[in-house]
Amino acid sequence: VGFDIDLGNAICDKLKAKCVWVETSF
């Protein structure tokens, strides 16, 4: 969850793409 997560999902919607999140250390 979070601002960046919602932003990424919205970008994927615009690009008609499936969003996949990969967790990793910064």
mmCIF file of all heavy atoms, coordinates in Angstrom:
data_MODEL
# 
_entry.id   MODEL 
# 
loop_
_atom_site.group_PDB 
_atom_site.id 
_atom_site.type_symbol 
_atom_site.label_atom_id 
_atom_site.label_alt_id 
_atom_site.label_comp_id 
_atom_site.label_asym_id 
_atom_site.label_entity_id 
_atom_site.label_seq_id 
_atom_site.pdbx_PDB_ins_code 
_atom_site.Cartn_x 
_atom_site.Cartn_y 
_atom_site.Cartn_z 
_atom_site.occupancy 
_atom_site.B_iso_or_equiv 
_atom_site.pdbx_formal_charge 
_atom_site.auth_seq_id 
_atom_site.auth_comp_id 
_atom_site.auth_asym_id 
_atom_site.auth_atom_id 
_atom_site.pdbx_PDB_model_num 
ATOM 1   N N   . VAL A 1 1  ? 0.842  -1.195  0.000   1.00 0.00 ? 1  VAL A N   1 
ATOM 2   C CA  . VAL A 1 1  ? 0.000  0.000   0.000   1.00 0.00 ? 1  VAL A CA  1 
ATOM 3   C C   . VAL A 1 1  ? 0.878  1.246   0.000   1.00 0.00 ? 1  VAL A C   1 
ATOM 4   O O   . VAL A 1 1  ? 2.060  1.193   0.327   1.00 0.00 ? 1  VAL A O   1 
ATOM 5   C CB  . VAL A 1 1  ? -0.939 0.028   1.231   1.00 0.00 ? 1  VAL A CB  1 
ATOM 6   C CG1 . VAL A 1 1  ? -1.935 -1.110  1.180   1.00 0.00 ? 1  VAL A CG1 1 
ATOM 7   C CG2 . VAL A 1 1  ? -0.131 -0.023  2.535   1.00 0.00 ? 1  VAL A CG2 1 
ATOM 8   N N   . GLY A 1 2  ? 0.280  2.383   -0.359  1.00 0.00 ? 2  GLY A N   1 
ATOM 9   C CA  . GLY A 1 2  ? 1.001  3.645   -0.291  1.00 0.00 ? 2  GLY A CA  1 
ATOM 10  C C   . GLY A 1 2  ? 0.861  4.474   -1.547  1.00 0.00 ? 2  GLY A C   1 
ATOM 11  O O   . GLY A 1 2  ? 0.326  4.028   -2.561  1.00 0.00 ? 2  GLY A O   1 
ATOM 12  N N   . PHE A 1 3  ? 1.358  5.699   -1.464  1.00 0.00 ? 3  PHE A N   1 
ATOM 13  C CA  . PHE A 1 3  ? 1.265  6.650   -2.567  1.00 0.00 ? 3  PHE A CA  1 
ATOM 14  C C   . PHE A 1 3  ? 1.919  6.108   -3.834  1.00 0.00 ? 3  PHE A C   1 
ATOM 15  O O   . PHE A 1 3  ? 1.327  6.134   -4.921  1.00 0.00 ? 3  PHE A O   1 
ATOM 16  C CB  . PHE A 1 3  ? 1.930  7.968   -2.151  1.00 0.00 ? 3  PHE A CB  1 
ATOM 17  C CG  . PHE A 1 3  ? 2.080  8.961   -3.261  1.00 0.00 ? 3  PHE A CG  1 
ATOM 18  C CD1 . PHE A 1 3  ? 0.990  9.675   -3.730  1.00 0.00 ? 3  PHE A CD1 1 
ATOM 19  C CD2 . PHE A 1 3  ? 3.320  9.200   -3.838  1.00 0.00 ? 3  PHE A CD2 1 
ATOM 20  C CE1 . PHE A 1 3  ? 1.124  10.597  -4.758  1.00 0.00 ? 3  PHE A CE1 1 
ATOM 21  C CE2 . PHE A 1 3  ? 3.473  10.120  -4.859  1.00 0.00 ? 3  PHE A CE2 1 
ATOM 22  C CZ  . PHE A 1 3  ? 2.372  10.823  -5.319  1.00 0.00 ? 3  PHE A CZ  1 
ATOM 23  N N   . ASP A 1 4  ? 3.160  5.616   -3.719  1.00 0.00 ? 4  ASP A N   1 
ATOM 24  C CA  . ASP A 1 4  ? 3.864  5.113   -4.898  1.00 0.00 ? 4  ASP A CA  1 
ATOM 25  C C   . ASP A 1 4  ? 3.175  3.885   -5.484  1.00 0.00 ? 4  ASP A C   1 
ATOM 26  O O   . ASP A 1 4  ? 3.171  3.685   -6.708  1.00 0.00 ? 4  ASP A O   1 
ATOM 27  C CB  . ASP A 1 4  ? 5.313  4.765   -4.545  1.00 0.00 ? 4  ASP A CB  1 
ATOM 28  C CG  . ASP A 1 4  ? 6.177  6.002   -4.376  1.00 0.00 ? 4  ASP A CG  1 
ATOM 29  O OD1 . ASP A 1 4  ? 5.748  7.093   -4.807  1.00 0.00 ? 4  ASP A OD1 1 
ATOM 30  O OD2 . ASP A 1 4  ? 7.278  5.893   -3.799  1.00 0.00 ? 4  ASP A OD2 1 
ATOM 31  N N   . ILE A 1 5  ? 2.598  3.053   -4.631  1.00 0.00 ? 5  ILE A N   1 
ATOM 32  C CA  . ILE A 1 5  ? 1.907  1.855   -5.105  1.00 0.00 ? 5  ILE A CA  1 
ATOM 33  C C   . ILE A 1 5  ? 0.672  2.258   -5.925  1.00 0.00 ? 5  ILE A C   1 
ATOM 34  O O   . ILE A 1 5  ? 0.455  1.747   -7.029  1.00 0.00 ? 5  ILE A O   1 
ATOM 35  C CB  . ILE A 1 5  ? 1.484  0.947   -3.921  1.00 0.00 ? 5  ILE A CB  1 
ATOM 36  C CG1 . ILE A 1 5  ? 2.691  0.618   -3.032  1.00 0.00 ? 5  ILE A CG1 1 
ATOM 37  C CG2 . ILE A 1 5  ? 0.823  -0.325  -4.443  1.00 0.00 ? 5  ILE A CG2 1 
ATOM 38  C CD1 . ILE A 1 5  ? 3.833  -0.081  -3.719  1.00 0.00 ? 5  ILE A CD1 1 
ATOM 39  N N   . ASP A 1 6  ? -0.123 3.183   -5.384  1.00 0.00 ? 6  ASP A N   1 
ATOM 40  C CA  . ASP A 1 6  ? -1.304 3.654   -6.114  1.00 0.00 ? 6  ASP A CA  1 
ATOM 41  C C   . ASP A 1 6  ? -0.899 4.352   -7.407  1.00 0.00 ? 6  ASP A C   1 
ATOM 42  O O   . ASP A 1 6  ? -1.560 4.201   -8.444  1.00 0.00 ? 6  ASP A O   1 
ATOM 43  C CB  . ASP A 1 6  ? -2.116 4.620   -5.247  1.00 0.00 ? 6  ASP A CB  1 
ATOM 44  C CG  . ASP A 1 6  ? -2.900 3.908   -4.152  1.00 0.00 ? 6  ASP A CG  1 
ATOM 45  O OD1 . ASP A 1 6  ? -2.794 2.671   -4.057  1.00 0.00 ? 6  ASP A OD1 1 
ATOM 46  O OD2 . ASP A 1 6  ? -3.603 4.589   -3.385  1.00 0.00 ? 6  ASP A OD2 1 
ATOM 47  N N   . LEU A 1 7  ? 0.179  5.113   -7.351  1.00 0.00 ? 7  LEU A N   1 
ATOM 48  C CA  . LEU A 1 7  ? 0.660  5.817   -8.533  1.00 0.00 ? 7  LEU A CA  1 
ATOM 49  C C   . LEU A 1 7  ? 1.085  4.817   -9.618  1.00 0.00 ? 7  LEU A C   1 
ATOM 50  O O   . LEU A 1 7  ? 0.730  4.971   -10.797 1.00 0.00 ? 7  LEU A O   1 
ATOM 51  C CB  . LEU A 1 7  ? 1.842  6.710   -8.154  1.00 0.00 ? 7  LEU A CB  1 
ATOM 52  C CG  . LEU A 1 7  ? 2.249  7.780   -9.158  1.00 0.00 ? 7  LEU A CG  1 
ATOM 53  C CD1 . LEU A 1 7  ? 1.177  8.861   -9.264  1.00 0.00 ? 7  LEU A CD1 1 
ATOM 54  C CD2 . LEU A 1 7  ? 3.575  8.409   -8.762  1.00 0.00 ? 7  LEU A CD2 1 
ATOM 55  N N   . GLY A 1 8  ? 1.831  3.793   -9.211  1.00 0.00 ? 8  GLY A N   1 
ATOM 56  C CA  . GLY A 1 8  ? 2.269  2.773   -10.163 1.00 0.00 ? 8  GLY A CA  1 
ATOM 57  C C   . GLY A 1 8  ? 1.108  2.024   -10.779 1.00 0.00 ? 8  GLY A C   1 
ATOM 58  O O   . GLY A 1 8  ? 1.092  1.774   -11.992 1.00 0.00 ? 8  GLY A O   1 
ATOM 59  N N   . ASN A 1 9  ? 0.125  1.674   -9.966  1.00 0.00 ? 9  ASN A N   1 
ATOM 60  C CA  . ASN A 1 9  ? -1.044 0.963   -10.490 1.00 0.00 ? 9  ASN A CA  1 
ATOM 61  C C   . ASN A 1 9  ? -1.820 1.836   -11.474 1.00 0.00 ? 9  ASN A C   1 
ATOM 62  O O   . ASN A 1 9  ? -2.342 1.339   -12.483 1.00 0.00 ? 9  ASN A O   1 
ATOM 63  C CB  . ASN A 1 9  ? -1.943 0.518   -9.338  1.00 0.00 ? 9  ASN A CB  1 
ATOM 64  C CG  . ASN A 1 9  ? -1.342 -0.628  -8.540  1.00 0.00 ? 9  ASN A CG  1 
ATOM 65  O OD1 . ASN A 1 9  ? -0.582 -1.431  -9.081  1.00 0.00 ? 9  ASN A OD1 1 
ATOM 66  N ND2 . ASN A 1 9  ? -1.655 -0.713  -7.265  1.00 0.00 ? 9  ASN A ND2 1 
ATOM 67  N N   . ALA A 1 10 ? -1.878 3.143   -11.203 1.00 0.00 ? 10 ALA A N   1 
ATOM 68  C CA  . ALA A 1 10 ? -2.573 4.065   -12.103 1.00 0.00 ? 10 ALA A CA  1 
ATOM 69  C C   . ALA A 1 10 ? -1.811 4.211   -13.421 1.00 0.00 ? 10 ALA A C   1 
ATOM 70  O O   . ALA A 1 10 ? -2.420 4.307   -14.495 1.00 0.00 ? 10 ALA A O   1 
ATOM 71  C CB  . ALA A 1 10 ? -2.743 5.426   -11.434 1.00 0.00 ? 10 ALA A CB  1 
ATOM 72  N N   . ILE A 1 11 ? -0.489 4.224   -13.350 1.00 0.00 ? 11 ILE A N   1 
ATOM 73  C CA  . ILE A 1 11 ? 0.328  4.280   -14.559 1.00 0.00 ? 11 ILE A CA  1 
ATOM 74  C C   . ILE A 1 11 ? 0.077  3.044   -15.411 1.00 0.00 ? 11 ILE A C   1 
ATOM 75  O O   . ILE A 1 11 ? -0.087 3.127   -16.634 1.00 0.00 ? 11 ILE A O   1 
ATOM 76  C CB  . ILE A 1 11 ? 1.825  4.402   -14.202 1.00 0.00 ? 11 ILE A CB  1 
ATOM 77  C CG1 . ILE A 1 11 ? 2.119  5.792   -13.642 1.00 0.00 ? 11 ILE A CG1 1 
ATOM 78  C CG2 . ILE A 1 11 ? 2.712  4.132   -15.420 1.00 0.00 ? 11 ILE A CG2 1 
ATOM 79  C CD1 . ILE A 1 11 ? 3.502  5.930   -13.026 1.00 0.00 ? 11 ILE A CD1 1 
ATOM 80  N N   . CYS A 1 12 ? 0.037  1.884   -14.759 1.00 0.00 ? 12 CYS A N   1 
ATOM 81  C CA  . CYS A 1 12 ? -0.229 0.636   -15.485 1.00 0.00 ? 12 CYS A CA  1 
ATOM 82  C C   . CYS A 1 12 ? -1.607 0.671   -16.143 1.00 0.00 ? 12 CYS A C   1 
ATOM 83  O O   . CYS A 1 12 ? -1.777 0.196   -17.274 1.00 0.00 ? 12 CYS A O   1 
ATOM 84  C CB  . CYS A 1 12 ? -0.118 -0.559  -14.535 1.00 0.00 ? 12 CYS A CB  1 
ATOM 85  S SG  . CYS A 1 12 ? 1.594  -0.949  -14.074 1.00 0.00 ? 12 CYS A SG  1 
ATOM 86  N N   . ASP A 1 13 ? -2.597 1.235   -15.457 1.00 0.00 ? 13 ASP A N   1 
ATOM 87  C CA  . ASP A 1 13 ? -3.931 1.370   -16.049 1.00 0.00 ? 13 ASP A CA  1 
ATOM 88  C C   . ASP A 1 13 ? -3.873 2.215   -17.315 1.00 0.00 ? 13 ASP A C   1 
ATOM 89  O O   . ASP A 1 13 ? -4.494 1.879   -18.329 1.00 0.00 ? 13 ASP A O   1 
ATOM 90  C CB  . ASP A 1 13 ? -4.900 2.012   -15.045 1.00 0.00 ? 13 ASP A CB  1 
ATOM 91  C CG  . ASP A 1 13 ? -5.332 1.040   -13.955 1.00 0.00 ? 13 ASP A CG  1 
ATOM 92  O OD1 . ASP A 1 13 ? -5.140 -0.180  -14.139 1.00 0.00 ? 13 ASP A OD1 1 
ATOM 93  O OD2 . ASP A 1 13 ? -5.848 1.501   -12.923 1.00 0.00 ? 13 ASP A OD2 1 
ATOM 94  N N   . LYS A 1 14 ? -3.137 3.317   -17.256 1.00 0.00 ? 14 LYS A N   1 
ATOM 95  C CA  . LYS A 1 14 ? -3.005 4.205   -18.413 1.00 0.00 ? 14 LYS A CA  1 
ATOM 96  C C   . LYS A 1 14 ? -2.327 3.486   -19.584 1.00 0.00 ? 14 LYS A C   1 
ATOM 97  O O   . LYS A 1 14 ? -2.661 3.719   -20.749 1.00 0.00 ? 14 LYS A O   1 
ATOM 98  C CB  . LYS A 1 14 ? -2.204 5.452   -18.045 1.00 0.00 ? 14 LYS A CB  1 
ATOM 99  C CG  . LYS A 1 14 ? -2.915 6.414   -17.107 1.00 0.00 ? 14 LYS A CG  1 
ATOM 100 C CD  . LYS A 1 14 ? -3.991 7.198   -17.824 1.00 0.00 ? 14 LYS A CD  1 
ATOM 101 C CE  . LYS A 1 14 ? -4.596 8.260   -16.920 1.00 0.00 ? 14 LYS A CE  1 
ATOM 102 N NZ  . LYS A 1 14 ? -5.734 8.956   -17.589 1.00 0.00 ? 14 LYS A NZ  1 
ATOM 103 N N   . LEU A 1 15 ? -1.353 2.641   -19.263 1.00 0.00 ? 15 LEU A N   1 
ATOM 104 C CA  . LEU A 1 15 ? -0.587 1.935   -20.292 1.00 0.00 ? 15 LEU A CA  1 
ATOM 105 C C   . LEU A 1 15 ? -1.210 0.595   -20.670 1.00 0.00 ? 15 LEU A C   1 
ATOM 106 O O   . LEU A 1 15 ? -0.653 -0.133  -21.496 1.00 0.00 ? 15 LEU A O   1 
ATOM 107 C CB  . LEU A 1 15 ? 0.850  1.716   -19.809 1.00 0.00 ? 15 LEU A CB  1 
ATOM 108 C CG  . LEU A 1 15 ? 1.672  2.978   -19.509 1.00 0.00 ? 15 LEU A CG  1 
ATOM 109 C CD1 . LEU A 1 15 ? 3.074  2.612   -19.051 1.00 0.00 ? 15 LEU A CD1 1 
ATOM 110 C CD2 . LEU A 1 15 ? 1.743  3.870   -20.732 1.00 0.00 ? 15 LEU A CD2 1 
ATOM 111 N N   . LYS A 1 16 ? -2.373 0.302   -20.044 1.00 0.00 ? 16 LYS A N   1 
ATOM 112 C CA  . LYS A 1 16 ? -3.051 -0.983  -20.285 1.00 0.00 ? 16 LYS A CA  1 
ATOM 113 C C   . LYS A 1 16 ? -2.088 -2.162  -20.063 1.00 0.00 ? 16 LYS A C   1 
ATOM 114 O O   . LYS A 1 16 ? -1.974 -3.074  -20.865 1.00 0.00 ? 16 LYS A O   1 
ATOM 115 C CB  . LYS A 1 16 ? -3.622 -1.030  -21.700 1.00 0.00 ? 16 LYS A CB  1 
ATOM 116 C CG  . LYS A 1 16 ? -4.721 0.010   -21.925 1.00 0.00 ? 16 LYS A CG  1 
ATOM 117 C CD  . LYS A 1 16 ? -5.304 -0.106  -23.286 1.00 0.00 ? 16 LYS A CD  1 
ATOM 118 C CE  . LYS A 1 16 ? -6.495 0.813   -23.538 1.00 0.00 ? 16 LYS A CE  1 
ATOM 119 N NZ  . LYS A 1 16 ? -6.742 1.901   -22.644 1.00 0.00 ? 16 LYS A NZ  1 
ATOM 120 N N   . ALA A 1 17 ? -1.392 -2.081  -18.939 1.00 0.00 ? 17 ALA A N   1 
ATOM 121 C CA  . ALA A 1 17 ? -0.427 -3.115  -18.579 1.00 0.00 ? 17 ALA A CA  1 
ATOM 122 C C   . ALA A 1 17 ? -0.780 -3.716  -17.231 1.00 0.00 ? 17 ALA A C   1 
ATOM 123 O O   . ALA A 1 17 ? -1.449 -3.091  -16.408 1.00 0.00 ? 17 ALA A O   1 
ATOM 124 C CB  . ALA A 1 17 ? 0.983  -2.523  -18.524 1.00 0.00 ? 17 ALA A CB  1 
ATOM 125 N N   . LYS A 1 18 ? -0.321 -4.929  -17.000 1.00 0.00 ? 18 LYS A N   1 
ATOM 126 C CA  . LYS A 1 18 ? -0.484 -5.573  -15.702 1.00 0.00 ? 18 LYS A CA  1 
ATOM 127 C C   . LYS A 1 18 ? 0.674  -5.139  -14.808 1.00 0.00 ? 18 LYS A C   1 
ATOM 128 O O   . LYS A 1 18 ? 1.841  -5.271  -15.184 1.00 0.00 ? 18 LYS A O   1 
ATOM 129 C CB  . LYS A 1 18 ? -0.488 -7.091  -15.845 1.00 0.00 ? 18 LYS A CB  1 
ATOM 130 C CG  . LYS A 1 18 ? -0.618 -7.822  -14.514 1.00 0.00 ? 18 LYS A CG  1 
ATOM 131 C CD  . LYS A 1 18 ? -0.499 -9.324  -14.687 1.00 0.00 ? 18 LYS A CD  1 
ATOM 132 C CE  . LYS A 1 18 ? -0.562 -10.031 -13.329 1.00 0.00 ? 18 LYS A CE  1 
ATOM 133 N NZ  . LYS A 1 18 ? -0.375 -11.499 -13.455 1.00 0.00 ? 18 LYS A NZ  1 
ATOM 134 N N   . CYS A 1 19 ? 0.368  -4.603  -13.632 1.00 0.00 ? 19 CYS A N   1 
ATOM 135 C CA  . CYS A 1 19 ? 1.396  -4.147  -12.689 1.00 0.00 ? 19 CYS A CA  1 
ATOM 136 C C   . CYS A 1 19 ? 1.882  -5.317  -11.837 1.00 0.00 ? 19 CYS A C   1 
ATOM 137 O O   . CYS A 1 19 ? 1.082  -6.002  -11.199 1.00 0.00 ? 19 CYS A O   1 
ATOM 138 C CB  . CYS A 1 19 ? 0.817  -3.062  -11.783 1.00 0.00 ? 19 CYS A CB  1 
ATOM 139 S SG  . CYS A 1 19 ? 1.696  -1.504  -11.879 1.00 0.00 ? 19 CYS A SG  1 
ATOM 140 N N   . VAL A 1 20 ? 3.181  -5.527  -11.797 1.00 0.00 ? 20 VAL A N   1 
ATOM 141 C CA  . VAL A 1 20 ? 3.787  -6.539  -10.928 1.00 0.00 ? 20 VAL A CA  1 
ATOM 142 C C   . VAL A 1 20 ? 4.807  -5.832  -10.047 1.00 0.00 ? 20 VAL A C   1 
ATOM 143 O O   . VAL A 1 20 ? 5.658  -5.087  -10.539 1.00 0.00 ? 20 VAL A O   1 
ATOM 144 C CB  . VAL A 1 20 ? 4.474  -7.651  -11.750 1.00 0.00 ? 20 VAL A CB  1 
ATOM 145 C CG1 . VAL A 1 20 ? 5.239  -8.601  -10.831 1.00 0.00 ? 20 VAL A CG1 1 
ATOM 146 C CG2 . VAL A 1 20 ? 3.446  -8.417  -12.577 1.00 0.00 ? 20 VAL A CG2 1 
ATOM 147 N N   . TRP A 1 21 ? 4.722  -6.054  -8.735  1.00 0.00 ? 21 TRP A N   1 
ATOM 148 C CA  . TRP A 1 21 ? 5.620  -5.401  -7.781  1.00 0.00 ? 21 TRP A CA  1 
ATOM 149 C C   . TRP A 1 21 ? 6.658  -6.390  -7.286  1.00 0.00 ? 21 TRP A C   1 
ATOM 150 O O   . TRP A 1 21 ? 6.330  -7.485  -6.853  1.00 0.00 ? 21 TRP A O   1 
ATOM 151 C CB  . TRP A 1 21 ? 4.824  -4.830  -6.608  1.00 0.00 ? 21 TRP A CB  1 
ATOM 152 C CG  . TRP A 1 21 ? 3.908  -3.728  -7.052  1.00 0.00 ? 21 TRP A CG  1 
ATOM 153 C CD1 . TRP A 1 21 ? 2.604  -3.853  -7.441  1.00 0.00 ? 21 TRP A CD1 1 
ATOM 154 C CD2 . TRP A 1 21 ? 4.239  -2.353  -7.197  1.00 0.00 ? 21 TRP A CD2 1 
ATOM 155 N NE1 . TRP A 1 21 ? 2.105  -2.629  -7.814  1.00 0.00 ? 21 TRP A NE1 1 
ATOM 156 C CE2 . TRP A 1 21 ? 3.079  -1.687  -7.668  1.00 0.00 ? 21 TRP A CE2 1 
ATOM 157 C CE3 . TRP A 1 21 ? 5.392  -1.603  -6.967  1.00 0.00 ? 21 TRP A CE3 1 
ATOM 158 C CZ2 . TRP A 1 21 ? 3.058  -0.312  -7.920  1.00 0.00 ? 21 TRP A CZ2 1 
ATOM 159 C CZ3 . TRP A 1 21 ? 5.374  -0.238  -7.210  1.00 0.00 ? 21 TRP A CZ3 1 
ATOM 160 C CH2 . TRP A 1 21 ? 4.213  0.400   -7.683  1.00 0.00 ? 21 TRP A CH2 1 
ATOM 161 N N   . VAL A 1 22 ? 7.923  -5.987  -7.374  1.00 0.00 ? 22 VAL A N   1 
ATOM 162 C CA  . VAL A 1 22 ? 9.036  -6.834  -6.952  1.00 0.00 ? 22 VAL A CA  1 
ATOM 163 C C   . VAL A 1 22 ? 9.705  -6.182  -5.747  1.00 0.00 ? 22 VAL A C   1 
ATOM 164 O O   . VAL A 1 22 ? 10.270 -5.091  -5.851  1.00 0.00 ? 22 VAL A O   1 
ATOM 165 C CB  . VAL A 1 22 ? 10.065 -7.011  -8.086  1.00 0.00 ? 22 VAL A CB  1 
ATOM 166 C CG1 . VAL A 1 22 ? 11.199 -7.933  -7.637  1.00 0.00 ? 22 VAL A CG1 1 
ATOM 167 C CG2 . VAL A 1 22 ? 9.390  -7.557  -9.340  1.00 0.00 ? 22 VAL A CG2 1 
ATOM 168 N N   . GLU A 1 23 ? 9.644  -6.827  -4.597  1.00 0.00 ? 23 GLU A N   1 
ATOM 169 C CA  . GLU A 1 23 ? 10.221 -6.268  -3.375  1.00 0.00 ? 23 GLU A CA  1 
ATOM 170 C C   . GLU A 1 23 ? 11.732 -6.494  -3.334  1.00 0.00 ? 23 GLU A C   1 
ATOM 171 O O   . GLU A 1 23 ? 12.215 -7.582  -3.631  1.00 0.00 ? 23 GLU A O   1 
ATOM 172 C CB  . GLU A 1 23 ? 9.568  -6.907  -2.151  1.00 0.00 ? 23 GLU A CB  1 
ATOM 173 C CG  . GLU A 1 23 ? 8.082  -6.606  -2.031  1.00 0.00 ? 23 GLU A CG  1 
ATOM 174 C CD  . GLU A 1 23 ? 7.449  -7.266  -0.825  1.00 0.00 ? 23 GLU A CD  1 
ATOM 175 O OE1 . GLU A 1 23 ? 8.138  -7.351  0.221   1.00 0.00 ? 23 GLU A OE1 1 
ATOM 176 O OE2 . GLU A 1 23 ? 6.296  -7.710  -0.929  1.00 0.00 ? 23 GLU A OE2 1 
ATOM 177 N N   . THR A 1 24 ? 12.453 -5.439  -2.966  1.00 0.00 ? 24 THR A N   1 
ATOM 178 C CA  . THR A 1 24 ? 13.905 -5.540  -2.874  1.00 0.00 ? 24 THR A CA  1 
ATOM 179 C C   . THR A 1 24 ? 14.417 -4.482  -1.910  1.00 0.00 ? 24 THR A C   1 
ATOM 180 O O   . THR A 1 24 ? 13.733 -3.502  -1.635  1.00 0.00 ? 24 THR A O   1 
ATOM 181 C CB  . THR A 1 24 ? 14.557 -5.353  -4.264  1.00 0.00 ? 24 THR A CB  1 
ATOM 182 O OG1 . THR A 1 24 ? 15.954 -5.597  -4.190  1.00 0.00 ? 24 THR A OG1 1 
ATOM 183 C CG2 . THR A 1 24 ? 14.321 -3.948  -4.800  1.00 0.00 ? 24 THR A CG2 1 
ATOM 184 N N   . SER A 1 25 ? 15.616 -4.674  -1.370  1.00 0.00 ? 25 SER A N   1 
ATOM 185 C CA  . SER A 1 25 ? 16.180 -3.685  -0.449  1.00 0.00 ? 25 SER A CA  1 
ATOM 186 C C   . SER A 1 25 ? 16.610 -2.451  -1.243  1.00 0.00 ? 25 SER A C   1 
ATOM 187 O O   . SER A 1 25 ? 17.053 -2.554  -2.391  1.00 0.00 ? 25 SER A O   1 
ATOM 188 C CB  . SER A 1 25 ? 17.381 -4.270  0.304   1.00 0.00 ? 25 SER A CB  1 
ATOM 189 O OG  . SER A 1 25 ? 18.414 -4.609  -0.601  1.00 0.00 ? 25 SER A OG  1 
ATOM 190 N N   . PHE A 1 26 ? 16.505 -1.286  -0.614  1.00 0.00 ? 26 PHE A N   1 
ATOM 191 C CA  . PHE A 1 26 ? 16.769 -0.045  -1.332  1.00 0.00 ? 26 PHE A CA  1 
ATOM 192 C C   . PHE A 1 26 ? 18.227 0.067   -1.775  1.00 0.00 ? 26 PHE A C   1 
ATOM 193 O O   . PHE A 1 26 ? 18.518 0.586   -2.856  1.00 0.00 ? 26 PHE A O   1 
ATOM 194 C CB  . PHE A 1 26 ? 16.388 1.165   -0.460  1.00 0.00 ? 26 PHE A CB  1 
ATOM 195 C CG  . PHE A 1 26 ? 16.266 2.439   -1.237  1.00 0.00 ? 26 PHE A CG  1 
ATOM 196 C CD1 . PHE A 1 26 ? 15.135 2.717   -1.972  1.00 0.00 ? 26 PHE A CD1 1 
ATOM 197 C CD2 . PHE A 1 26 ? 17.304 3.359   -1.242  1.00 0.00 ? 26 PHE A CD2 1 
ATOM 198 C CE1 . PHE A 1 26 ? 15.023 3.880   -2.707  1.00 0.00 ? 26 PHE A CE1 1 
ATOM 199 C CE2 . PHE A 1 26 ? 17.209 4.540   -1.961  1.00 0.00 ? 26 PHE A CE2 1 
ATOM 200 C CZ  . PHE A 1 26 ? 16.051 4.798   -2.694  1.00 0.00 ? 26 PHE A CZ  1 
# 
